[in-house]
């Protein structure tokens, strides 16, 4: 399984709009067959810092997700509400 961590800093006056806009993306992403989970998380130390934390079956599933309309359109809108982002990190889960 792949875990994805995408961190963003949201403009202070856009926090509520960001969370509302992200809701549809999260619901549709969680409905994708190869999705394990897709969440939006807000820092307890800085209300402007958010992280999408996702889990996908494999790289093929992640690439398919990145091509969906709900991802491409919504992420473009969300990007306009941010002050910046960090590089997306992708991890392979270590299974024991």
PDB file of N, CA and C in Angstrom:
ATOM      1  N   UNK A   1       0.833  -1.188   0.000  1.00  0.00           N
ATOM      2  CA  UNK A   1       0.000   0.000   0.000  1.00  0.00           C
ATOM      3  C   UNK A   1       0.876   1.250   0.000  1.00  0.00           C
ATOM      4  N   UNK A   2       0.368   2.285  -0.609  1.00  0.00           N
ATOM      5  CA  UNK A   2       1.062   3.573  -0.641  1.00  0.00           C
ATOM      6  C   UNK A   2       0.360   4.553   0.280  1.00  0.00           C
ATOM      7  N   UNK A   3       1.160   5.288   1.028  1.00  0.00           N
ATOM      8  CA  UNK A   3       0.642   6.375   1.860  1.00  0.00           C
ATOM      9  C   UNK A   3       1.149   7.680   1.264  1.00  0.00           C
ATOM     10  N   UNK A   4       0.256   8.654   1.185  1.00  0.00           N
ATOM     11  CA  UNK A   4       0.585   9.958   0.612  1.00  0.00           C
ATOM     12  C   UNK A   4       0.352  11.025   1.675  1.00  0.00           C
ATOM     13  N   UNK A   5       1.308  11.945   1.810  1.00  0.00           N
ATOM     14  CA  UNK A   5       1.166  13.072   2.720  1.00  0.00           C
ATOM     15  C   UNK A   5       1.403  14.345   1.904  1.00  0.00           C
ATOM     16  N   UNK A   6       0.355  15.158   1.792  1.00  0.00           N
ATOM     17  CA  UNK A   6       0.446  16.418   1.046  1.00  0.00           C
ATOM     18  C   UNK A   6       0.142  17.557   2.014  1.00  0.00           C
ATOM     19  N   UNK A   7       1.170  18.374   2.319  1.00  0.00           N
ATOM     20  CA  UNK A   7       1.024  19.451   3.296  1.00  0.00           C
ATOM     21  C   UNK A   7       0.864  20.802   2.610  1.00  0.00           C
ATOM     22  N   UNK A   8      -0.072  21.596   3.155  1.00  0.00           N
ATOM     23  CA  UNK A   8      -0.374  22.911   2.597  1.00  0.00           C
ATOM     24  C   UNK A   8      -0.535  23.928   3.715  1.00  0.00           C
ATOM     25  N   UNK A   9      -0.218  25.161   3.411  1.00  0.00           N
ATOM     26  CA  UNK A   9      -0.503  26.262   4.323  1.00  0.00           C
ATOM     27  C   UNK A   9      -1.605  27.093   3.677  1.00  0.00           C
ATOM     28  N   UNK A  10      -2.732  27.195   4.363  1.00  0.00           N
ATOM     29  CA  UNK A  10      -3.917  27.867   3.825  1.00  0.00           C
ATOM     30  C   UNK A  10      -3.947  29.318   4.300  1.00  0.00           C
ATOM     31  N   UNK A  11      -4.359  30.209   3.402  1.00  0.00           N
ATOM     32  CA  UNK A  11      -4.507  31.617   3.772  1.00  0.00           C
ATOM     33  C   UNK A  11      -5.502  31.707   4.929  1.00  0.00           C
ATOM     34  N   UNK A  12      -5.172  32.539   5.899  1.00  0.00           N
ATOM     35  CA  UNK A  12      -5.972  32.640   7.127  1.00  0.00           C
ATOM     36  C   UNK A  12      -7.447  32.927   6.844  1.00  0.00           C
ATOM     37  N   UNK A  13      -7.713  33.788   5.883  1.00  0.00           N
ATOM     38  CA  UNK A  13      -9.103  34.146   5.587  1.00  0.00           C
ATOM     39  C   UNK A  13      -9.803  33.128   4.679  1.00  0.00           C
ATOM     40  N   UNK A  14      -9.130  32.049   4.320  1.00  0.00           N
ATOM     41  CA  UNK A  14      -9.704  31.030   3.432  1.00  0.00           C
ATOM     42  C   UNK A  14      -9.878  29.674   4.108  1.00  0.00           C
ATOM     43  N   UNK A  15      -9.585  29.577   5.410  1.00  0.00           N
ATOM     44  CA  UNK A  15      -9.607  28.282   6.092  1.00  0.00           C
ATOM     45  C   UNK A  15     -10.970  27.598   5.990  1.00  0.00           C
ATOM     46  N   UNK A  16     -12.047  28.293   6.313  1.00  0.00           N
ATOM     47  CA  UNK A  16     -13.378  27.669   6.266  1.00  0.00           C
ATOM     48  C   UNK A  16     -13.748  27.262   4.848  1.00  0.00           C
ATOM     49  N   UNK A  17     -13.469  28.123   3.884  1.00  0.00           N
ATOM     50  CA  UNK A  17     -13.763  27.814   2.478  1.00  0.00           C
ATOM     51  C   UNK A  17     -12.930  26.615   2.004  1.00  0.00           C
ATOM     52  N   UNK A  18     -11.678  26.557   2.427  1.00  0.00           N
ATOM     53  CA  UNK A  18     -10.802  25.442   2.066  1.00  0.00           C
ATOM     54  C   UNK A  18     -11.391  24.129   2.566  1.00  0.00           C
ATOM     55  N   UNK A  19     -11.783  24.094   3.838  1.00  0.00           N
ATOM     56  CA  UNK A  19     -12.339  22.864   4.416  1.00  0.00           C
ATOM     57  C   UNK A  19     -13.630  22.463   3.706  1.00  0.00           C
ATOM     58  N   UNK A  20     -14.477  23.414   3.397  1.00  0.00           N
ATOM     59  CA  UNK A  20     -15.745  23.108   2.717  1.00  0.00           C
ATOM     60  C   UNK A  20     -15.487  22.596   1.300  1.00  0.00           C
ATOM     61  N   UNK A  21     -14.569  23.213   0.584  1.00  0.00           N
ATOM     62  CA  UNK A  21     -14.248  22.800  -0.784  1.00  0.00           C
ATOM     63  C   UNK A  21     -13.608  21.410  -0.797  1.00  0.00           C
ATOM     64  N   UNK A  22     -12.786  21.123   0.185  1.00  0.00           N
ATOM     65  CA  UNK A  22     -12.108  19.830   0.254  1.00  0.00           C
ATOM     66  C   UNK A  22     -13.077  18.687   0.553  1.00  0.00           C
ATOM     67  N   UNK A  23     -14.210  18.975   1.162  1.00  0.00           N
ATOM     68  CA  UNK A  23     -15.148  17.924   1.557  1.00  0.00           C
ATOM     69  C   UNK A  23     -15.586  17.055   0.378  1.00  0.00           C
ATOM     70  N   UNK A  24     -15.925  17.651  -0.744  1.00  0.00           N
ATOM     71  CA  UNK A  24     -16.368  16.894  -1.918  1.00  0.00           C
ATOM     72  C   UNK A  24     -15.232  16.019  -2.458  1.00  0.00           C
ATOM     73  N   UNK A  25     -14.022  16.576  -2.495  1.00  0.00           N
ATOM     74  CA  UNK A  25     -12.851  15.813  -2.938  1.00  0.00           C
ATOM     75  C   UNK A  25     -12.643  14.588  -2.052  1.00  0.00           C
ATOM     76  N   UNK A  26     -12.754  14.767  -0.767  1.00  0.00           N
ATOM     77  CA  UNK A  26     -12.544  13.664   0.174  1.00  0.00           C
ATOM     78  C   UNK A  26     -13.602  12.583  -0.008  1.00  0.00           C
ATOM     79  N   UNK A  27     -14.854  12.980  -0.118  1.00  0.00           N
ATOM     80  CA  UNK A  27     -15.934  11.994  -0.294  1.00  0.00           C
ATOM     81  C   UNK A  27     -15.763  11.206  -1.585  1.00  0.00           C
ATOM     82  N   UNK A  28     -15.472  11.894  -2.674  1.00  0.00           N
ATOM     83  CA  UNK A  28     -15.311  11.204  -3.956  1.00  0.00           C
ATOM     84  C   UNK A  28     -14.052  10.347  -3.983  1.00  0.00           C
ATOM     85  N   UNK A  29     -12.987  10.810  -3.365  1.00  0.00           N
ATOM     86  CA  UNK A  29     -11.748  10.030  -3.321  1.00  0.00           C
ATOM     87  C   UNK A  29     -11.935   8.771  -2.483  1.00  0.00           C
ATOM     88  N   UNK A  30     -12.622   8.893  -1.356  1.00  0.00           N
ATOM     89  CA  UNK A  30     -12.886   7.725  -0.519  1.00  0.00           C
ATOM     90  C   UNK A  30     -13.776   6.708  -1.219  1.00  0.00           C
ATOM     91  N   UNK A  31     -14.544   7.144  -2.201  1.00  0.00           N
ATOM     92  CA  UNK A  31     -15.427   6.241  -2.947  1.00  0.00           C
ATOM     93  C   UNK A  31     -14.696   5.485  -4.059  1.00  0.00           C
ATOM     94  N   UNK A  32     -13.471   5.906  -4.379  1.00  0.00           N
ATOM     95  CA  UNK A  32     -12.711   5.209  -5.419  1.00  0.00           C
ATOM     96  C   UNK A  32     -12.387   3.793  -4.945  1.00  0.00           C
ATOM     97  N   UNK A  33     -12.524   2.835  -5.843  1.00  0.00           N
ATOM     98  CA  UNK A  33     -12.362   1.423  -5.501  1.00  0.00           C
ATOM     99  C   UNK A  33     -11.009   1.105  -4.858  1.00  0.00           C
ATOM    100  N   UNK A  34      -9.947   1.693  -5.350  1.00  0.00           N
ATOM    101  CA  UNK A  34      -8.605   1.363  -4.869  1.00  0.00           C
ATOM    102  C   UNK A  34      -8.141   2.248  -3.710  1.00  0.00           C
ATOM    103  N   UNK A  35      -9.027   3.070  -3.181  1.00  0.00           N
ATOM    104  CA  UNK A  35      -8.680   3.927  -2.052  1.00  0.00           C
ATOM    105  C   UNK A  35      -8.912   3.190  -0.746  1.00  0.00           C
ATOM    106  N   UNK A  36      -7.951   3.289   0.163  1.00  0.00           N
ATOM    107  CA  UNK A  36      -8.079   2.705   1.492  1.00  0.00           C
ATOM    108  C   UNK A  36      -8.622   3.770   2.447  1.00  0.00           C
ATOM    109  N   UNK A  37      -8.033   4.968   2.421  1.00  0.00           N
ATOM    110  CA  UNK A  37      -8.584   6.122   3.134  1.00  0.00           C
ATOM    111  C   UNK A  37      -8.019   7.402   2.554  1.00  0.00           C
ATOM    112  N   UNK A  38      -8.738   8.488   2.772  1.00  0.00           N
ATOM    113  CA  UNK A  38      -8.364   9.808   2.255  1.00  0.00           C
ATOM    114  C   UNK A  38      -8.876  10.816   3.269  1.00  0.00           C
ATOM    115  N   UNK A  39      -7.976  11.501   3.975  1.00  0.00           N
ATOM    116  CA  UNK A  39      -8.404  12.411   5.036  1.00  0.00           C
ATOM    117  C   UNK A  39      -7.758  13.778   4.897  1.00  0.00           C
ATOM    118  N   UNK A  40      -8.430  14.772   5.467  1.00  0.00           N
ATOM    119  CA  UNK A  40      -7.864  16.109   5.602  1.00  0.00           C
ATOM    120  C   UNK A  40      -7.633  16.335   7.088  1.00  0.00           C
ATOM    121  N   UNK A  41      -6.449  16.822   7.427  1.00  0.00           N
ATOM    122  CA  UNK A  41      -6.059  17.004   8.822  1.00  0.00           C
ATOM    123  C   UNK A  41      -5.557  18.425   9.021  1.00  0.00           C
ATOM    124  N   UNK A  42      -5.935  19.022  10.157  1.00  0.00           N
ATOM    125  CA  UNK A  42      -5.529  20.385  10.482  1.00  0.00           C
ATOM    126  C   UNK A  42      -4.620  20.350  11.698  1.00  0.00           C
ATOM    127  N   UNK A  43      -3.529  21.083  11.644  1.00  0.00           N
ATOM    128  CA  UNK A  43      -2.565  21.125  12.738  1.00  0.00           C
ATOM    129  C   UNK A  43      -3.212  21.659  14.015  1.00  0.00           C
ATOM    130  N   UNK A  44      -2.846  21.074  15.133  1.00  0.00           N
ATOM    131  CA  UNK A  44      -3.319  21.572  16.426  1.00  0.00           C
ATOM    132  C   UNK A  44      -2.478  22.760  16.890  1.00  0.00           C
ATOM    133  N   UNK A  45      -1.332  22.959  16.257  1.00  0.00           N
ATOM    134  CA  UNK A  45      -0.437  24.050  16.653  1.00  0.00           C
ATOM    135  C   UNK A  45      -0.554  25.284  15.763  1.00  0.00           C
ATOM    136  N   UNK A  46      -1.002  25.097  14.531  1.00  0.00           N
ATOM    137  CA  UNK A  46      -1.113  26.213  13.584  1.00  0.00           C
ATOM    138  C   UNK A  46      -2.332  25.965  12.707  1.00  0.00           C
ATOM    139  N   UNK A  47      -3.381  26.730  12.922  1.00  0.00           N
ATOM    140  CA  UNK A  47      -4.649  26.501  12.209  1.00  0.00           C
ATOM    141  C   UNK A  47      -4.546  26.635  10.701  1.00  0.00           C
ATOM    142  N   UNK A  48      -3.489  27.235  10.197  1.00  0.00           N
ATOM    143  CA  UNK A  48      -3.322  27.407   8.760  1.00  0.00           C
ATOM    144  C   UNK A  48      -2.678  26.203   8.084  1.00  0.00           C
ATOM    145  N   UNK A  49      -2.140  25.287   8.852  1.00  0.00           N
ATOM    146  CA  UNK A  49      -1.435  24.131   8.287  1.00  0.00           C
ATOM    147  C   UNK A  49      -2.359  22.919   8.210  1.00  0.00           C
ATOM    148  N   UNK A  50      -2.416  22.353   7.003  1.00  0.00           N
ATOM    149  CA  UNK A  50      -3.260  21.192   6.728  1.00  0.00           C
ATOM    150  C   UNK A  50      -2.421  20.111   6.059  1.00  0.00           C
ATOM    151  N   UNK A  51      -2.904  18.872   6.189  1.00  0.00           N
ATOM    152  CA  UNK A  51      -2.259  17.761   5.496  1.00  0.00           C
ATOM    153  C   UNK A  51      -3.343  16.810   4.993  1.00  0.00           C
ATOM    154  N   UNK A  52      -3.291  16.513   3.712  1.00  0.00           N
ATOM    155  CA  UNK A  52      -4.077  15.416   3.168  1.00  0.00           C
ATOM    156  C   UNK A  52      -3.250  14.162   3.420  1.00  0.00           C
ATOM    157  N   UNK A  53      -3.837  13.187   4.078  1.00  0.00           N
ATOM    158  CA  UNK A  53      -3.164  11.916   4.314  1.00  0.00           C
ATOM    159  C   UNK A  53      -4.024  10.843   3.667  1.00  0.00           C
ATOM    160  N   UNK A  54      -3.406  10.101   2.752  1.00  0.00           N
ATOM    161  CA  UNK A  54      -4.145   9.160   1.915  1.00  0.00           C
ATOM    162  C   UNK A  54      -3.466   7.799   1.916  1.00  0.00           C
ATOM    163  N   UNK A  55      -4.240   6.786   1.607  1.00  0.00           N
ATOM    164  CA  UNK A  55      -3.695   5.451   1.435  1.00  0.00           C
ATOM    165  C   UNK A  55      -4.338   4.833   0.199  1.00  0.00           C
ATOM    166  N   UNK A  56      -3.482   4.339  -0.698  1.00  0.00           N
ATOM    167  CA  UNK A  56      -3.917   3.754  -1.963  1.00  0.00           C
ATOM    168  C   UNK A  56      -3.388   2.337  -2.088  1.00  0.00           C
ATOM    169  N   UNK A  57      -4.108   1.510  -2.808  1.00  0.00           N
ATOM    170  CA  UNK A  57      -3.725   0.109  -2.991  1.00  0.00           C
ATOM    171  C   UNK A  57      -2.328  -0.022  -3.598  1.00  0.00           C
ATOM    172  N   UNK A  58      -2.035   0.825  -4.613  1.00  0.00           N
ATOM    173  CA  UNK A  58      -0.743   0.747  -5.293  1.00  0.00           C
ATOM    174  C   UNK A  58      -0.526   2.011  -6.124  1.00  0.00           C
ATOM    175  N   UNK A  59       0.612   2.065  -6.811  1.00  0.00           N
ATOM    176  CA  UNK A  59       0.963   3.235  -7.629  1.00  0.00           C
ATOM    177  C   UNK A  59      -0.023   3.448  -8.775  1.00  0.00           C
ATOM    178  N   UNK A  60      -0.520   2.377  -9.343  1.00  0.00           N
ATOM    179  CA  UNK A  60      -1.502   2.474 -10.435  1.00  0.00           C
ATOM    180  C   UNK A  60      -2.765   3.178  -9.935  1.00  0.00           C
ATOM    181  N   UNK A  61      -3.202   2.822  -8.746  1.00  0.00           N
ATOM    182  CA  UNK A  61      -4.398   3.439  -8.160  1.00  0.00           C
ATOM    183  C   UNK A  61      -4.180   4.927  -7.906  1.00  0.00           C
ATOM    184  N   UNK A  62      -3.006   5.273  -7.400  1.00  0.00           N
ATOM    185  CA  UNK A  62      -2.699   6.679  -7.141  1.00  0.00           C
ATOM    186  C   UNK A  62      -2.691   7.477  -8.434  1.00  0.00           C
ATOM    187  N   UNK A  63      -2.070   6.937  -9.468  1.00  0.00           N
ATOM    188  CA  UNK A  63      -2.031   7.636 -10.762  1.00  0.00           C
ATOM    189  C   UNK A  63      -3.439   7.811 -11.337  1.00  0.00           C
ATOM    190  N   UNK A  64      -4.275   6.793 -11.190  1.00  0.00           N
ATOM    191  CA  UNK A  64      -5.659   6.892 -11.675  1.00  0.00           C
ATOM    192  C   UNK A  64      -6.405   7.983 -10.909  1.00  0.00           C
ATOM    193  N   UNK A  65      -6.188   8.048  -9.610  1.00  0.00           N
ATOM    194  CA  UNK A  65      -6.820   9.089  -8.785  1.00  0.00           C
ATOM    195  C   UNK A  65      -6.390  10.478  -9.243  1.00  0.00           C
ATOM    196  N   UNK A  66      -5.107  10.638  -9.494  1.00  0.00           N
ATOM    197  CA  UNK A  66      -4.581  11.946  -9.896  1.00  0.00           C
ATOM    198  C   UNK A  66      -5.129  12.411 -11.238  1.00  0.00           C
ATOM    199  N   UNK A  67      -5.693  11.496 -12.020  1.00  0.00           N
ATOM    200  CA  UNK A  67      -6.270  11.842 -13.320  1.00  0.00           C
ATOM    201  C   UNK A  67      -7.775  12.093 -13.248  1.00  0.00           C
ATOM    202  N   UNK A  68      -8.392  11.864 -12.088  1.00  0.00           N
ATOM    203  CA  UNK A  68      -9.843  12.044 -11.982  1.00  0.00           C
ATOM    204  C   UNK A  68     -10.213  13.518 -12.047  1.00  0.00           C
ATOM    205  N   UNK A  69     -11.420  13.765 -12.509  1.00  0.00           N
ATOM    206  CA  UNK A  69     -11.925  15.135 -12.593  1.00  0.00           C
ATOM    207  C   UNK A  69     -12.038  15.753 -11.200  1.00  0.00           C
ATOM    208  N   UNK A  70     -12.521  14.983 -10.230  1.00  0.00           N
ATOM    209  CA  UNK A  70     -12.689  15.556  -8.893  1.00  0.00           C
ATOM    210  C   UNK A  70     -11.350  15.943  -8.263  1.00  0.00           C
ATOM    211  N   UNK A  71     -10.276  15.240  -8.603  1.00  0.00           N
ATOM    212  CA  UNK A  71      -8.962  15.622  -8.092  1.00  0.00           C
ATOM    213  C   UNK A  71      -8.423  16.845  -8.833  1.00  0.00           C
ATOM    214  N   UNK A  72      -8.380  16.784 -10.147  1.00  0.00           N
ATOM    215  CA  UNK A  72      -7.738  17.859 -10.914  1.00  0.00           C
ATOM    216  C   UNK A  72      -8.462  19.195 -10.739  1.00  0.00           C
ATOM    217  N   UNK A  73      -9.778  19.172 -10.774  1.00  0.00           N
ATOM    218  CA  UNK A  73     -10.528  20.421 -10.652  1.00  0.00           C
ATOM    219  C   UNK A  73     -10.487  20.982  -9.239  1.00  0.00           C
ATOM    220  N   UNK A  74     -10.706  20.129  -8.261  1.00  0.00           N
ATOM    221  CA  UNK A  74     -10.750  20.610  -6.881  1.00  0.00           C
ATOM    222  C   UNK A  74      -9.387  21.064  -6.403  1.00  0.00           C
ATOM    223  N   UNK A  75      -8.341  20.340  -6.760  1.00  0.00           N
ATOM    224  CA  UNK A  75      -7.013  20.740  -6.285  1.00  0.00           C
ATOM    225  C   UNK A  75      -6.583  22.069  -6.895  1.00  0.00           C
ATOM    226  N   UNK A  76      -7.036  22.359  -8.086  1.00  0.00           N
ATOM    227  CA  UNK A  76      -6.733  23.658  -8.687  1.00  0.00           C
ATOM    228  C   UNK A  76      -7.405  24.776  -7.881  1.00  0.00           C
ATOM    229  N   UNK A  77      -8.649  24.555  -7.479  1.00  0.00           N
ATOM    230  CA  UNK A  77      -9.373  25.545  -6.667  1.00  0.00           C
ATOM    231  C   UNK A  77      -8.704  25.694  -5.301  1.00  0.00           C
ATOM    232  N   UNK A  78      -8.389  24.564  -4.660  1.00  0.00           N
ATOM    233  CA  UNK A  78      -7.760  24.607  -3.336  1.00  0.00           C
ATOM    234  C   UNK A  78      -6.411  25.314  -3.387  1.00  0.00           C
ATOM    235  N   UNK A  79      -5.667  25.112  -4.467  1.00  0.00           N
ATOM    236  CA  UNK A  79      -4.364  25.750  -4.606  1.00  0.00           C
ATOM    237  C   UNK A  79      -4.439  27.262  -4.550  1.00  0.00           C
ATOM    238  N   UNK A  80      -5.536  27.829  -5.028  1.00  0.00           N
ATOM    239  CA  UNK A  80      -5.718  29.274  -4.983  1.00  0.00           C
ATOM    240  C   UNK A  80      -5.986  29.807  -3.591  1.00  0.00           C
ATOM    241  N   UNK A  81      -6.243  28.914  -2.643  1.00  0.00           N
ATOM    242  CA  UNK A  81      -6.515  29.312  -1.263  1.00  0.00           C
ATOM    243  C   UNK A  81      -5.299  29.143  -0.358  1.00  0.00           C
ATOM    244  N   UNK A  82      -4.189  28.736  -0.931  1.00  0.00           N
ATOM    245  CA  UNK A  82      -3.015  28.436  -0.100  1.00  0.00           C
ATOM    246  C   UNK A  82      -1.932  29.497  -0.228  1.00  0.00           C
ATOM    247  N   UNK A  83      -1.080  29.503   0.773  1.00  0.00           N
ATOM    248  CA  UNK A  83       0.118  30.350   0.753  1.00  0.00           C
ATOM    249  C   UNK A  83       1.310  29.560   0.255  1.00  0.00           C
ATOM    250  N   UNK A  84       1.142  28.249   0.179  1.00  0.00           N
ATOM    251  CA  UNK A  84       2.229  27.413  -0.295  1.00  0.00           C
ATOM    252  C   UNK A  84       2.030  25.972   0.123  1.00  0.00           C
ATOM    253  N   UNK A  85       2.911  25.141  -0.381  1.00  0.00           N
ATOM    254  CA  UNK A  85       2.837  23.722  -0.045  1.00  0.00           C
ATOM    255  C   UNK A  85       4.250  23.159   0.021  1.00  0.00           C
ATOM    256  N   UNK A  86       4.351  22.024   0.656  1.00  0.00           N
ATOM    257  CA  UNK A  86       5.616  21.305   0.713  1.00  0.00           C
ATOM    258  C   UNK A  86       5.561  20.202  -0.335  1.00  0.00           C
ATOM    259  N   UNK A  87       6.700  19.649  -0.717  1.00  0.00           N
ATOM    260  CA  UNK A  87       6.666  18.532  -1.672  1.00  0.00           C
ATOM    261  C   UNK A  87       5.817  17.380  -1.121  1.00  0.00           C
ATOM    262  N   UNK A  88       5.043  16.772  -1.991  1.00  0.00           N
ATOM    263  CA  UNK A  88       4.226  15.631  -1.600  1.00  0.00           C
ATOM    264  C   UNK A  88       5.149  14.461  -1.301  1.00  0.00           C
ATOM    265  N   UNK A  89       4.875  13.785  -0.193  1.00  0.00           N
ATOM    266  CA  UNK A  89       5.675  12.624   0.195  1.00  0.00           C
ATOM    267  C   UNK A  89       4.855  11.361  -0.020  1.00  0.00           C
ATOM    268  N   UNK A  90       5.490  10.345  -0.588  1.00  0.00           N
ATOM    269  CA  UNK A  90       4.817   9.066  -0.837  1.00  0.00           C
ATOM    270  C   UNK A  90       5.635   7.981  -0.149  1.00  0.00           C
ATOM    271  N   UNK A  91       4.947   7.162   0.604  1.00  0.00           N
ATOM    272  CA  UNK A  91       5.595   6.108   1.385  1.00  0.00           C
ATOM    273  C   UNK A  91       5.012   4.748   1.031  1.00  0.00           C
ATOM    274  N   UNK A  92       5.861   3.735   1.025  1.00  0.00           N
ATOM    275  CA  UNK A  92       5.405   2.351   0.972  1.00  0.00           C
ATOM    276  C   UNK A  92       5.217   1.874   2.402  1.00  0.00           C
ATOM    277  N   UNK A  93       4.078   1.262   2.674  1.00  0.00           N
ATOM    278  CA  UNK A  93       3.838   0.733   4.005  1.00  0.00           C
ATOM    279  C   UNK A  93       4.698  -0.514   4.234  1.00  0.00           C
ATOM    280  N   UNK A  94       5.324  -0.583   5.381  1.00  0.00           N
ATOM    281  CA  UNK A  94       6.085  -1.758   5.767  1.00  0.00           C
ATOM    282  C   UNK A  94       5.113  -2.702   6.480  1.00  0.00           C
ATOM    283  N   UNK A  95       4.916  -3.858   5.908  1.00  0.00           N
ATOM    284  CA  UNK A  95       3.983  -4.805   6.499  1.00  0.00           C
ATOM    285  C   UNK A  95       4.758  -5.930   7.175  1.00  0.00           C
ATOM    286  N   UNK A  96       4.329  -6.281   8.358  1.00  0.00           N
ATOM    287  CA  UNK A  96       4.959  -7.342   9.140  1.00  0.00           C
ATOM    288  C   UNK A  96       4.040  -8.531   9.247  1.00  0.00           C
TER     289      UNK A  96
END
